[in-house]
Amino acid sequence: MDISYLLCMVPAFLLTMIASWYVKSAYRKWSRVATSSGMTGTQAAQRLIAAGGLQGVQIEEIAGNLTDNYDPRSKILHLSQSVAESPSVASIAVAAHELGHAQQDAQGYFPLRFRSALVPMVSIGSSLGWILIMAGMFLAYAGMALGTDIAWLGVVVFSGGAVFALATLPVELNASARARQLLGEAGIITGYEEQKGVHTVLNAAALTYVAALVTAILQLLYFVSMVVGLGRRRR
C-alpha cells in the first residue's frame, strides 16, 4: 500500500461510495412505498415461481439486510426479513431479481455457469495472487531473476478477480431484465410509479457491480504497472 496505489484507486473508491449510497438511498425510498397488490416479497416470489415455471425452488429467510441471494446448488431463494415480510416496491424488485437468477439456472444460462466455474479459482487467486506478486518483487530486488517470473505469475492469478467481476456484470444485468419481465407478466407491478420504483432499485443494484468491475480492473492495472516497473529496473 503506497501513495501511487491510493491515487490509482481514487476513481474506484469514489464510484464504490456513490454506488453504495445510491443503492441504499433507492432501497430506503422504495421500501416505504407499498405495492398496490399488497404482496410481500415472499408472496411475490411464490407467485413468480409458479408463473415462471420454477417449481422446485424453495424460499427461506436469511439474517441480515440486503443479504438476499439465490443458491443454485440447493435451489433455495434466500430472502432477508425486510424483503420477505414487507409489501413494498423495493422488496418485490429484490425478490424478482433473485428469481431472475433462478430462471437463469433453470435454463442453463451460460454466463451464469461460466461465473460459477470461476468461483474456485477466484477464491484462491484473490489471496494467492498478491502474495506471489510481493514474493516475486522481494526476490527480484534481492537479485534473483526468477523473482520477476513469480511476480508475473501472481498477476495472472490475481487477474481472476477481474475476469470474475467482468463475468458477473452481464449475469446481474440479465437477472434484472428477467425480473422486470417476470413482474410484468405476473401482473404484480402495475402503474408507472411502481414500474419506476422497480427500475430505480434494479439500476442502483447494477451500479454496485459496475463499481466492483472498475475496482478489480484498476487493482489489476496497478499490479501490472508494478511488475513492469520491476522489469525495467532489472534491465
C-alpha atoms as a PDB file:
ATOM      1  CA  MET A   1       0.000   0.000   0.000  1.00  0.00           C
ATOM      2  CA  ASP A   2       1.542   3.311  -1.098  1.00  0.00           C
ATOM      3  CA  ILE A   3       0.511   6.709  -2.380  1.00  0.00           C
ATOM      4  CA  SER A   4       0.583   5.546  -6.019  1.00  0.00           C
ATOM      5  CA  TYR A   5      -1.895   2.780  -5.144  1.00  0.00           C
ATOM      6  CA  LEU A   6      -4.204   5.263  -3.462  1.00  0.00           C
ATOM      7  CA  LEU A   7      -4.035   7.634  -6.429  1.00  0.00           C
ATOM      8  CA  CYS A   8      -4.728   4.783  -8.833  1.00  0.00           C
ATOM      9  CA  MET A   9      -7.724   3.602  -6.823  1.00  0.00           C
ATOM     10  CA  VAL A  10      -9.342   7.001  -6.164  1.00  0.00           C
ATOM     11  CA  PRO A  11     -11.826   6.623  -9.059  1.00  0.00           C
ATOM     12  CA  ALA A  12     -12.819   3.172  -7.793  1.00  0.00           C
ATOM     13  CA  PHE A  13     -13.194   4.404  -4.213  1.00  0.00           C
ATOM     14  CA  LEU A  14     -15.417   7.276  -5.342  1.00  0.00           C
ATOM     15  CA  LEU A  15     -17.554   5.083  -7.606  1.00  0.00           C
ATOM     16  CA  THR A  16     -17.951   2.488  -4.857  1.00  0.00           C
ATOM     17  CA  MET A  17     -19.058   5.148  -2.379  1.00  0.00           C
ATOM     18  CA  ILE A  18     -21.540   6.589  -4.888  1.00  0.00           C
ATOM     19  CA  ALA A  19     -22.903   3.136  -5.738  1.00  0.00           C
ATOM     20  CA  SER A  20     -23.281   2.227  -2.062  1.00  0.00           C
ATOM     21  CA  TRP A  21     -25.084   5.481  -1.323  1.00  0.00           C
ATOM     22  CA  TYR A  22     -27.309   5.151  -4.374  1.00  0.00           C
ATOM     23  CA  VAL A  23     -28.422   1.575  -3.680  1.00  0.00           C
ATOM     24  CA  LYS A  24     -29.138   2.309  -0.010  1.00  0.00           C
ATOM     25  CA  SER A  25     -30.980   5.512  -0.883  1.00  0.00           C
ATOM     26  CA  ALA A  26     -33.065   3.829  -3.595  1.00  0.00           C
ATOM     27  CA  TYR A  27     -33.901   0.866  -1.385  1.00  0.00           C
ATOM     28  CA  ARG A  28     -34.767   3.095   1.571  1.00  0.00           C
ATOM     29  CA  LYS A  29     -37.060   5.290  -0.559  1.00  0.00           C
ATOM     30  CA  TRP A  30     -38.941   2.494  -2.294  1.00  0.00           C
ATOM     31  CA  SER A  31     -39.146   0.302   0.785  1.00  0.00           C
ATOM     32  CA  ARG A  32     -41.565   2.938   2.092  1.00  0.00           C
ATOM     33  CA  VAL A  33     -43.806   2.659  -0.976  1.00  0.00           C
ATOM     34  CA  ALA A  34     -46.341  -0.151  -0.762  1.00  0.00           C
ATOM     35  CA  THR A  35     -47.368  -2.078  -3.850  1.00  0.00           C
ATOM     36  CA  SER A  36     -50.977  -1.903  -4.981  1.00  0.00           C
ATOM     37  CA  SER A  37     -51.124  -5.699  -4.865  1.00  0.00           C
ATOM     38  CA  GLY A  38     -50.200  -5.667  -1.158  1.00  0.00           C
ATOM     39  CA  MET A  39     -47.851  -8.609  -1.695  1.00  0.00           C
ATOM     40  CA  THR A  40     -44.793  -9.131   0.453  1.00  0.00           C
ATOM     41  CA  GLY A  41     -41.507 -10.222  -1.057  1.00  0.00           C
ATOM     42  CA  THR A  42     -42.237 -13.841  -0.131  1.00  0.00           C
ATOM     43  CA  GLN A  43     -45.737 -13.777  -1.597  1.00  0.00           C
ATOM     44  CA  ALA A  44     -44.497 -12.195  -4.810  1.00  0.00           C
ATOM     45  CA  ALA A  45     -41.729 -14.782  -5.033  1.00  0.00           C
ATOM     46  CA  GLN A  46     -44.245 -17.605  -4.625  1.00  0.00           C
ATOM     47  CA  ARG A  47     -46.354 -16.246  -7.483  1.00  0.00           C
ATOM     48  CA  LEU A  48     -43.307 -15.705  -9.692  1.00  0.00           C
ATOM     49  CA  ILE A  49     -42.065 -19.231  -9.018  1.00  0.00           C
ATOM     50  CA  ALA A  50     -45.400 -20.597 -10.227  1.00  0.00           C
ATOM     51  CA  ALA A  51     -45.716 -18.191 -13.164  1.00  0.00           C
ATOM     52  CA  GLY A  52     -42.118 -18.666 -14.274  1.00  0.00           C
ATOM     53  CA  GLY A  53     -42.193 -22.456 -14.188  1.00  0.00           C
ATOM     54  CA  LEU A  54     -39.623 -22.570 -11.379  1.00  0.00           C
ATOM     55  CA  GLN A  55     -41.198 -25.367  -9.378  1.00  0.00           C
ATOM     56  CA  GLY A  56     -38.646 -26.878  -7.028  1.00  0.00           C
ATOM     57  CA  VAL A  57     -37.268 -23.519  -5.893  1.00  0.00           C
ATOM     58  CA  GLN A  58     -37.739 -23.150  -2.148  1.00  0.00           C
ATOM     59  CA  ILE A  59     -37.890 -19.903  -0.170  1.00  0.00           C
ATOM     60  CA  GLU A  60     -36.109 -19.365   3.132  1.00  0.00           C
ATOM     61  CA  GLU A  61     -35.481 -16.277   5.243  1.00  0.00           C
ATOM     62  CA  ILE A  62     -31.890 -15.267   5.894  1.00  0.00           C
ATOM     63  CA  ALA A  63     -30.398 -12.960   8.502  1.00  0.00           C
ATOM     64  CA  GLY A  64     -29.051  -9.530   7.648  1.00  0.00           C
ATOM     65  CA  ASN A  65     -30.068  -6.613   5.466  1.00  0.00           C
ATOM     66  CA  LEU A  66     -29.922  -6.883   1.664  1.00  0.00           C
ATOM     67  CA  THR A  67     -28.350 -10.339   2.002  1.00  0.00           C
ATOM     68  CA  ASP A  68     -30.835 -11.811  -0.449  1.00  0.00           C
ATOM     69  CA  ASN A  69     -29.481 -14.428  -2.840  1.00  0.00           C
ATOM     70  CA  TYR A  70     -30.329 -17.498  -4.872  1.00  0.00           C
ATOM     71  CA  ASP A  71     -28.267 -20.654  -4.298  1.00  0.00           C
ATOM     72  CA  PRO A  72     -28.197 -22.760  -7.493  1.00  0.00           C
ATOM     73  CA  ARG A  73     -26.784 -25.770  -5.627  1.00  0.00           C
ATOM     74  CA  SER A  74     -29.705 -26.137  -3.229  1.00  0.00           C
ATOM     75  CA  LYS A  75     -32.297 -24.337  -5.405  1.00  0.00           C
ATOM     76  CA  ILE A  76     -33.131 -22.098  -2.439  1.00  0.00           C
ATOM     77  CA  LEU A  77     -34.104 -18.452  -2.676  1.00  0.00           C
ATOM     78  CA  HIS A  78     -32.871 -16.678   0.454  1.00  0.00           C
ATOM     79  CA  LEU A  79     -34.766 -13.522   1.350  1.00  0.00           C
ATOM     80  CA  SER A  80     -33.794 -11.174   4.155  1.00  0.00           C
ATOM     81  CA  GLN A  81     -36.525 -10.443   6.680  1.00  0.00           C
ATOM     82  CA  SER A  82     -37.008  -6.873   5.464  1.00  0.00           C
ATOM     83  CA  VAL A  83     -37.645  -8.170   1.938  1.00  0.00           C
ATOM     84  CA  ALA A  84     -39.585 -11.321   2.817  1.00  0.00           C
ATOM     85  CA  GLU A  85     -42.122  -9.637   5.082  1.00  0.00           C
ATOM     86  CA  SER A  86     -42.506  -6.194   3.513  1.00  0.00           C
ATOM     87  CA  PRO A  87     -45.178  -5.378   0.883  1.00  0.00           C
ATOM     88  CA  SER A  88     -43.015  -2.700  -0.720  1.00  0.00           C
ATOM     89  CA  VAL A  89     -41.868  -1.946  -4.250  1.00  0.00           C
ATOM     90  CA  ALA A  90     -38.239  -2.421  -3.186  1.00  0.00           C
ATOM     91  CA  SER A  91     -38.947  -5.854  -1.701  1.00  0.00           C
ATOM     92  CA  ILE A  92     -40.729  -7.009  -4.843  1.00  0.00           C
ATOM     93  CA  ALA A  93     -37.835  -5.802  -7.021  1.00  0.00           C
ATOM     94  CA  VAL A  94     -35.204  -7.593  -4.926  1.00  0.00           C
ATOM     95  CA  ALA A  95     -37.161 -10.854  -4.789  1.00  0.00           C
ATOM     96  CA  ALA A  96     -37.789 -10.756  -8.547  1.00  0.00           C
ATOM     97  CA  HIS A  97     -34.110 -10.081  -9.282  1.00  0.00           C
ATOM     98  CA  GLU A  98     -33.021 -13.147  -7.311  1.00  0.00           C
ATOM     99  CA  LEU A  99     -35.632 -15.232  -9.091  1.00  0.00           C
ATOM    100  CA  GLY A 100     -34.111 -13.960 -12.313  1.00  0.00           C
ATOM    101  CA  HIS A 101     -31.035 -15.937 -11.239  1.00  0.00           C
ATOM    102  CA  ALA A 102     -33.244 -18.963 -10.534  1.00  0.00           C
ATOM    103  CA  GLN A 103     -34.594 -18.727 -14.075  1.00  0.00           C
ATOM    104  CA  GLN A 104     -31.049 -18.442 -15.434  1.00  0.00           C
ATOM    105  CA  ASP A 105     -30.144 -21.570 -13.512  1.00  0.00           C
ATOM    106  CA  ALA A 106     -33.184 -23.490 -14.753  1.00  0.00           C
ATOM    107  CA  GLN A 107     -32.438 -22.570 -18.371  1.00  0.00           C
ATOM    108  CA  GLY A 108     -28.712 -23.307 -18.150  1.00  0.00           C
ATOM    109  CA  TYR A 109     -27.786 -19.684 -18.882  1.00  0.00           C
ATOM    110  CA  PHE A 110     -24.148 -19.918 -19.999  1.00  0.00           C
ATOM    111  CA  PRO A 111     -22.795 -16.698 -18.403  1.00  0.00           C
ATOM    112  CA  LEU A 112     -24.107 -17.891 -15.009  1.00  0.00           C
ATOM    113  CA  ARG A 113     -22.486 -21.296 -15.465  1.00  0.00           C
ATOM    114  CA  PHE A 114     -19.236 -19.655 -16.532  1.00  0.00           C
ATOM    115  CA  ARG A 115     -19.234 -17.373 -13.487  1.00  0.00           C
ATOM    116  CA  SER A 116     -19.922 -20.326 -11.183  1.00  0.00           C
ATOM    117  CA  ALA A 117     -16.989 -22.198 -12.719  1.00  0.00           C
ATOM    118  CA  LEU A 118     -14.713 -19.260 -11.868  1.00  0.00           C
ATOM    119  CA  VAL A 119     -15.542 -19.287  -8.141  1.00  0.00           C
ATOM    120  CA  PRO A 120     -12.893 -21.860  -7.035  1.00  0.00           C
ATOM    121  CA  MET A 121     -10.156 -20.077  -8.991  1.00  0.00           C
ATOM    122  CA  VAL A 122     -11.132 -16.646  -7.706  1.00  0.00           C
ATOM    123  CA  SER A 123     -11.400 -17.769  -4.077  1.00  0.00           C
ATOM    124  CA  ILE A 124      -7.782 -18.934  -4.244  1.00  0.00           C
ATOM    125  CA  GLY A 125      -6.436 -16.281  -6.592  1.00  0.00           C
ATOM    126  CA  SER A 126      -7.670 -13.310  -4.583  1.00  0.00           C
ATOM    127  CA  SER A 127      -5.316 -14.244  -1.760  1.00  0.00           C
ATOM    128  CA  LEU A 128      -2.556 -16.090  -3.578  1.00  0.00           C
ATOM    129  CA  GLY A 129      -2.122 -13.574  -6.394  1.00  0.00           C
ATOM    130  CA  TRP A 130      -0.864 -10.615  -4.406  1.00  0.00           C
ATOM    131  CA  ILE A 131       1.284 -12.926  -2.223  1.00  0.00           C
ATOM    132  CA  LEU A 132       3.062 -14.185  -5.351  1.00  0.00           C
ATOM    133  CA  ILE A 133       3.458 -10.619  -6.611  1.00  0.00           C
ATOM    134  CA  MET A 134       5.002  -9.416  -3.343  1.00  0.00           C
ATOM    135  CA  ALA A 135       7.215 -12.514  -3.040  1.00  0.00           C
ATOM    136  CA  GLY A 136       8.368 -12.146  -6.628  1.00  0.00           C
ATOM    137  CA  MET A 137       9.220  -8.491  -6.157  1.00  0.00           C
ATOM    138  CA  PHE A 138      11.159  -9.266  -2.979  1.00  0.00           C
ATOM    139  CA  LEU A 139      13.166 -11.949  -4.773  1.00  0.00           C
ATOM    140  CA  ALA A 140      13.776  -9.672  -7.759  1.00  0.00           C
ATOM    141  CA  TYR A 141      15.076  -6.879  -5.533  1.00  0.00           C
ATOM    142  CA  ALA A 142      17.317  -9.475  -3.912  1.00  0.00           C
ATOM    143  CA  GLY A 143      18.873 -10.123  -7.306  1.00  0.00           C
ATOM    144  CA  MET A 144      17.096 -13.356  -8.232  1.00  0.00           C
ATOM    145  CA  ALA A 145      15.977 -13.408 -11.887  1.00  0.00           C
ATOM    146  CA  LEU A 146      13.188 -15.846 -11.043  1.00  0.00           C
ATOM    147  CA  GLY A 147      11.513 -13.129  -8.967  1.00  0.00           C
ATOM    148  CA  THR A 148      10.071 -11.304 -11.981  1.00  0.00           C
ATOM    149  CA  ASP A 149       8.582 -14.529 -13.331  1.00  0.00           C
ATOM    150  CA  ILE A 150       6.945 -15.250  -9.984  1.00  0.00           C
ATOM    151  CA  ALA A 151       5.551 -11.711  -9.878  1.00  0.00           C
ATOM    152  CA  TRP A 152       4.022 -12.115 -13.344  1.00  0.00           C
ATOM    153  CA  LEU A 153       2.529 -15.440 -12.265  1.00  0.00           C
ATOM    154  CA  GLY A 154       0.949 -13.573  -9.366  1.00  0.00           C
ATOM    155  CA  VAL A 155      -0.533 -11.033 -11.787  1.00  0.00           C
ATOM    156  CA  VAL A 156      -2.065 -13.831 -13.859  1.00  0.00           C
ATOM    157  CA  VAL A 157      -3.531 -15.489 -10.766  1.00  0.00           C
ATOM    158  CA  PHE A 158      -4.802 -12.166  -9.413  1.00  0.00           C
ATOM    159  CA  SER A 159      -6.449 -11.336 -12.761  1.00  0.00           C
ATOM    160  CA  GLY A 160      -9.069 -13.996 -11.993  1.00  0.00           C
ATOM    161  CA  GLY A 161     -10.836 -11.439  -9.815  1.00  0.00           C
ATOM    162  CA  ALA A 162     -11.180  -9.019 -12.724  1.00  0.00           C
ATOM    163  CA  VAL A 163     -12.409 -11.803 -15.001  1.00  0.00           C
ATOM    164  CA  PHE A 164     -14.971 -12.785 -12.354  1.00  0.00           C
ATOM    165  CA  ALA A 165     -16.189  -9.195 -11.997  1.00  0.00           C
ATOM    166  CA  LEU A 166     -16.458  -8.917 -15.778  1.00  0.00           C
ATOM    167  CA  ALA A 167     -18.435 -12.177 -15.947  1.00  0.00           C
ATOM    168  CA  THR A 168     -20.700 -11.052 -13.107  1.00  0.00           C
ATOM    169  CA  LEU A 169     -21.922  -7.863 -14.768  1.00  0.00           C
ATOM    170  CA  PRO A 170     -23.902  -9.447 -17.656  1.00  0.00           C
ATOM    171  CA  VAL A 171     -25.301 -12.074 -15.282  1.00  0.00           C
ATOM    172  CA  GLU A 172     -26.676  -9.410 -12.961  1.00  0.00           C
ATOM    173  CA  LEU A 173     -27.980  -7.181 -15.748  1.00  0.00           C
ATOM    174  CA  ASN A 174     -29.750 -10.144 -17.314  1.00  0.00           C
ATOM    175  CA  ALA A 175     -31.269 -11.125 -13.960  1.00  0.00           C
ATOM    176  CA  SER A 176     -32.693  -7.604 -13.628  1.00  0.00           C
ATOM    177  CA  ALA A 177     -34.109  -7.755 -17.156  1.00  0.00           C
ATOM    178  CA  ARG A 178     -35.724 -11.093 -16.316  1.00  0.00           C
ATOM    179  CA  ALA A 179     -37.103  -9.598 -13.093  1.00  0.00           C
ATOM    180  CA  ARG A 180     -38.862  -6.826 -14.990  1.00  0.00           C
ATOM    181  CA  GLN A 181     -40.322  -9.339 -17.427  1.00  0.00           C
ATOM    182  CA  LEU A 182     -41.463 -11.723 -14.673  1.00  0.00           C
ATOM    183  CA  LEU A 183     -43.146  -8.932 -12.734  1.00  0.00           C
ATOM    184  CA  GLY A 184     -44.856  -7.610 -15.846  1.00  0.00           C
ATOM    185  CA  GLU A 185     -46.134 -10.999 -16.973  1.00  0.00           C
ATOM    186  CA  ALA A 186     -47.370 -11.901 -13.479  1.00  0.00           C
ATOM    187  CA  GLY A 187     -49.190  -8.580 -13.110  1.00  0.00           C
ATOM    188  CA  ILE A 188     -47.629  -7.901  -9.708  1.00  0.00           C
ATOM    189  CA  ILE A 189     -46.383  -4.430 -10.591  1.00  0.00           C
ATOM    190  CA  THR A 190     -48.916  -2.079 -12.133  1.00  0.00           C
ATOM    191  CA  GLY A 191     -48.805   1.613 -12.949  1.00  0.00           C
ATOM    192  CA  TYR A 192     -45.992   3.948 -13.865  1.00  0.00           C
ATOM    193  CA  GLU A 193     -44.932   4.753 -10.279  1.00  0.00           C
ATOM    194  CA  GLU A 194     -44.399   1.120  -9.284  1.00  0.00           C
ATOM    195  CA  GLN A 195     -42.548   0.392 -12.516  1.00  0.00           C
ATOM    196  CA  LYS A 196     -40.343   3.426 -11.898  1.00  0.00           C
ATOM    197  CA  GLY A 197     -39.543   2.158  -8.399  1.00  0.00           C
ATOM    198  CA  VAL A 198     -38.589  -1.305  -9.655  1.00  0.00           C
ATOM    199  CA  HIS A 199     -36.339   0.192 -12.357  1.00  0.00           C
ATOM    200  CA  THR A 200     -34.678   2.518  -9.845  1.00  0.00           C
ATOM    201  CA  VAL A 201     -33.902  -0.239  -7.335  1.00  0.00           C
ATOM    202  CA  LEU A 202     -32.582  -2.614 -10.006  1.00  0.00           C
ATOM    203  CA  ASN A 203     -30.486   0.088 -11.687  1.00  0.00           C
ATOM    204  CA  ALA A 204     -28.989   1.093  -8.345  1.00  0.00           C
ATOM    205  CA  ALA A 205     -28.021  -2.513  -7.685  1.00  0.00           C
ATOM    206  CA  ALA A 206     -26.421  -2.762 -11.132  1.00  0.00           C
ATOM    207  CA  LEU A 207     -24.177   0.215 -10.363  1.00  0.00           C
ATOM    208  CA  THR A 208     -22.589  -1.728  -7.486  1.00  0.00           C
ATOM    209  CA  TYR A 209     -21.430  -4.391  -9.957  1.00  0.00           C
ATOM    210  CA  VAL A 210     -20.047  -1.730 -12.279  1.00  0.00           C
ATOM    211  CA  ALA A 211     -18.103  -0.314  -9.311  1.00  0.00           C
ATOM    212  CA  ALA A 212     -16.787  -3.791  -8.470  1.00  0.00           C
ATOM    213  CA  LEU A 213     -15.576  -4.267 -12.042  1.00  0.00           C
ATOM    214  CA  VAL A 214     -13.839  -0.872 -12.127  1.00  0.00           C
ATOM    215  CA  THR A 215     -12.168  -1.636  -8.797  1.00  0.00           C
ATOM    216  CA  ALA A 216     -10.930  -5.043  -9.973  1.00  0.00           C
ATOM    217  CA  ILE A 217      -9.561  -3.641 -13.239  1.00  0.00           C
ATOM    218  CA  LEU A 218      -7.743  -0.746 -11.552  1.00  0.00           C
ATOM    219  CA  GLN A 219      -6.212  -3.075  -8.964  1.00  0.00           C
ATOM    220  CA  LEU A 220      -5.009  -5.365 -11.734  1.00  0.00           C
ATOM    221  CA  LEU A 221      -3.542  -2.452 -13.711  1.00  0.00           C
ATOM    222  CA  TYR A 222      -1.751  -1.230 -10.600  1.00  0.00           C
ATOM    223  CA  PHE A 223      -0.065  -4.595 -10.048  1.00  0.00           C
ATOM    224  CA  VAL A 224       0.797  -4.840 -13.751  1.00  0.00           C
ATOM    225  CA  SER A 225       2.486  -1.434 -13.567  1.00  0.00           C
ATOM    226  CA  MET A 226       4.449  -2.555 -10.507  1.00  0.00           C
ATOM    227  CA  VAL A 227       5.783  -5.674 -12.221  1.00  0.00           C
ATOM    228  CA  VAL A 228       6.520  -3.788 -15.464  1.00  0.00           C
ATOM    229  CA  GLY A 229       8.457  -1.241 -13.432  1.00  0.00           C
ATOM    230  CA  LEU A 230      10.314  -4.060 -11.717  1.00  0.00           C
ATOM    231  CA  GLY A 231      11.399  -5.450 -15.088  1.00  0.00           C
ATOM    232  CA  ARG A 232      12.661  -2.035 -16.185  1.00  0.00           C
ATOM    233  CA  ARG A 233      14.765  -1.654 -13.053  1.00  0.00           C
ATOM    234  CA  ARG A 234      16.355  -5.045 -13.637  1.00  0.00           C
ATOM    235  CA  ARG A 235      17.355  -4.009 -17.175  1.00  0.00           C
END
